[in-house]
C-alpha atoms as a PDB file:
ATOM      1  CA  MET A   1     -35.855  38.589-130.808  1.00  0.00           C
ATOM      2  CA  TRP A   2     -33.509  36.053-129.122  1.00  0.00           C
ATOM      3  CA  GLY A   3     -33.322  38.279-126.031  1.00  0.00           C
ATOM      4  CA  THR A   4     -37.056  38.395-125.755  1.00  0.00           C
ATOM      5  CA  PHE A   5     -37.212  34.669-126.294  1.00  0.00           C
ATOM      6  CA  PHE A   6     -34.671  33.774-123.583  1.00  0.00           C
ATOM      7  CA  LYS A   7     -36.279  36.310-121.204  1.00  0.00           C
ATOM      8  CA  ALA A   8     -39.671  34.552-121.806  1.00  0.00           C
ATOM      9  CA  ILE A   9     -38.054  31.218-120.997  1.00  0.00           C
ATOM     10  CA  VAL A  10     -36.537  32.466-117.798  1.00  0.00           C
ATOM     11  CA  THR A  11     -39.759  34.100-116.612  1.00  0.00           C
ATOM     12  CA  GLY A  12     -41.868  31.091-117.576  1.00  0.00           C
ATOM     13  CA  LYS A  13     -43.886  32.882-120.296  1.00  0.00           C
ATOM     14  CA  HIS A  14     -42.605  30.298-122.814  1.00  0.00           C
ATOM     15  CA  ILE A  15     -42.275  26.664-121.922  1.00  0.00           C
ATOM     16  CA  LEU A  16     -39.666  24.740-123.861  1.00  0.00           C
ATOM     17  CA  SER A  17     -40.529  21.237-125.100  1.00  0.00           C
ATOM     18  CA  PRO A  18     -39.016  18.528-122.924  1.00  0.00           C
ATOM     19  CA  TRP A  19     -37.205  17.265-126.115  1.00  0.00           C
ATOM     20  CA  THR A  20     -35.488  20.646-126.301  1.00  0.00           C
ATOM     21  CA  TRP A  21     -34.321  20.402-122.700  1.00  0.00           C
ATOM     22  CA  LEU A  22     -33.076  16.834-123.376  1.00  0.00           C
ATOM     23  CA  ALA A  23     -31.228  17.959-126.557  1.00  0.00           C
ATOM     24  CA  ALA A  24     -29.595  20.819-124.715  1.00  0.00           C
ATOM     25  CA  ALA A  25     -28.425  18.565-121.848  1.00  0.00           C
ATOM     26  CA  LEU A  26     -27.146  15.921-124.246  1.00  0.00           C
ATOM     27  CA  THR A  27     -25.327  18.533-126.303  1.00  0.00           C
ATOM     28  CA  VAL A  28     -23.536  20.044-123.248  1.00  0.00           C
ATOM     29  CA  GLY A  29     -22.648  16.572-122.096  1.00  0.00           C
ATOM     30  CA  TYR A  30     -21.344  15.575-125.473  1.00  0.00           C
ATOM     31  CA  VAL A  31     -19.219  18.671-125.850  1.00  0.00           C
ATOM     32  CA  ILE A  32     -17.864  18.635-122.301  1.00  0.00           C
ATOM     33  CA  PHE A  33     -17.063  14.883-121.713  1.00  0.00           C
ATOM     34  CA  PRO A  34     -14.014  13.393-123.312  1.00  0.00           C
ATOM     35  CA  ILE A  35     -15.804  10.498-125.023  1.00  0.00           C
ATOM     36  CA  ASP A  36     -16.063  11.525-128.684  1.00  0.00           C
ATOM     37  CA  VAL A  37     -17.031   9.994-132.002  1.00  0.00           C
ATOM     38  CA  MET A  38     -14.130  11.963-133.571  1.00  0.00           C
ATOM     39  CA  PRO A  39     -11.557  12.502-130.786  1.00  0.00           C
ATOM     40  CA  GLU A  40      -9.652  15.782-130.910  1.00  0.00           C
ATOM     41  CA  ALA A  41      -6.499  14.223-129.417  1.00  0.00           C
ATOM     42  CA  PHE A  42      -6.057  12.015-132.462  1.00  0.00           C
ATOM     43  CA  LEU A  43      -7.595  14.141-135.227  1.00  0.00           C
ATOM     44  CA  GLY A  44      -6.654  17.638-134.101  1.00  0.00           C
ATOM     45  CA  PRO A  45      -8.944  20.353-135.425  1.00  0.00           C
ATOM     46  CA  ILE A  46     -10.973  17.948-137.475  1.00  0.00           C
ATOM     47  CA  GLY A  47     -12.024  16.230-134.237  1.00  0.00           C
ATOM     48  CA  PHE A  48     -14.160  19.327-133.457  1.00  0.00           C
ATOM     49  CA  LEU A  49     -16.421  18.654-136.513  1.00  0.00           C
ATOM     50  CA  ASP A  50     -18.666  16.303-134.541  1.00  0.00           C
ATOM     51  CA  ASP A  51     -18.967  18.815-131.702  1.00  0.00           C
ATOM     52  CA  VAL A  52     -19.906  21.578-134.197  1.00  0.00           C
ATOM     53  CA  GLY A  53     -22.514  19.186-135.870  1.00  0.00           C
ATOM     54  CA  VAL A  54     -24.132  18.354-132.450  1.00  0.00           C
ATOM     55  CA  MET A  55     -24.224  22.146-131.576  1.00  0.00           C
ATOM     56  CA  GLY A  56     -25.698  22.809-135.050  1.00  0.00           C
ATOM     57  CA  VAL A  57     -28.561  20.345-134.309  1.00  0.00           C
ATOM     58  CA  LEU A  58     -29.244  22.098-131.043  1.00  0.00           C
ATOM     59  CA  GLY A  59     -29.234  25.447-132.876  1.00  0.00           C
ATOM     60  CA  GLY A  60     -31.833  24.121-135.319  1.00  0.00           C
ATOM     61  CA  ILE A  61     -33.996  22.955-132.413  1.00  0.00           C
ATOM     62  CA  LEU A  62     -33.645  26.339-130.700  1.00  0.00           C
ATOM     63  CA  LYS A  63     -34.691  28.024-133.937  1.00  0.00           C
ATOM     64  CA  TRP A  64     -37.756  25.767-134.056  1.00  0.00           C
ATOM     65  CA  GLU A  65     -38.597  26.954-130.510  1.00  0.00           C
ATOM     66  CA  LEU A  66     -38.086  30.565-131.452  1.00  0.00           C
ATOM     67  CA  ASN A  67     -40.517  30.177-134.370  1.00  0.00           C
ATOM     68  CA  ARG A  68     -42.995  28.524-131.956  1.00  0.00           C
ATOM     69  CA  PHE A  69     -42.534  31.503-129.638  1.00  0.00           C
ATOM     70  CA  GLU A  70     -43.013  34.041-132.393  1.00  0.00           C
ATOM     71  CA  ASN A  71     -46.141  32.321-133.624  1.00  0.00           C
ATOM     72  CA  ALA A  72     -47.584  32.397-130.102  1.00  0.00           C
ATOM     73  CA  LEU A  73     -46.729  36.033-129.844  1.00  0.00           C
ATOM     74  CA  GLY A  74     -48.471  36.657-133.202  1.00  0.00           C
ATOM     75  CA  GLN A  75     -51.604  34.863-132.034  1.00  0.00           C
ATOM     76  CA  VAL A  76     -51.610  36.913-128.771  1.00  0.00           C
ATOM     77  CA  HIS A  77     -51.269  40.225-130.787  1.00  0.00           C
ATOM     78  CA  GLU A  78     -54.008  39.211-133.199  1.00  0.00           C
ATOM     79  CA  THR A  79     -56.354  38.250-130.333  1.00  0.00           C
ATOM     80  CA  THR A  80     -55.625  41.571-128.566  1.00  0.00           C
ATOM     81  CA  ALA A  81     -56.223  43.553-131.833  1.00  0.00           C
ATOM     82  CA  GLU A  82     -59.493  41.757-132.298  1.00  0.00           C
ATOM     83  CA  ARG A  83     -60.625  42.717-128.773  1.00  0.00           C
ATOM     84  CA  VAL A  84     -59.733  46.391-129.320  1.00  0.00           C
ATOM     85  CA  SER A  85     -61.612  46.546-132.662  1.00  0.00           C
END
């Protein structure tokens, strides 16, 4: 379902919330830029925990978007089935 979801985003069949785009941009920025709440240089592997946490939040937001997409698909299928009947 993730493949269908991402294809729908790329083709414009599913529009992501502006908050999802913002969360994605902030996540990428936080993970890439060297400014960290828990710096890896001082804490070693433990310093990656904040990065993992931020990516987990983005994962939750994407899951919410996937559910929204699946619900929209279900409504389209129900409407189509009603027309056929």
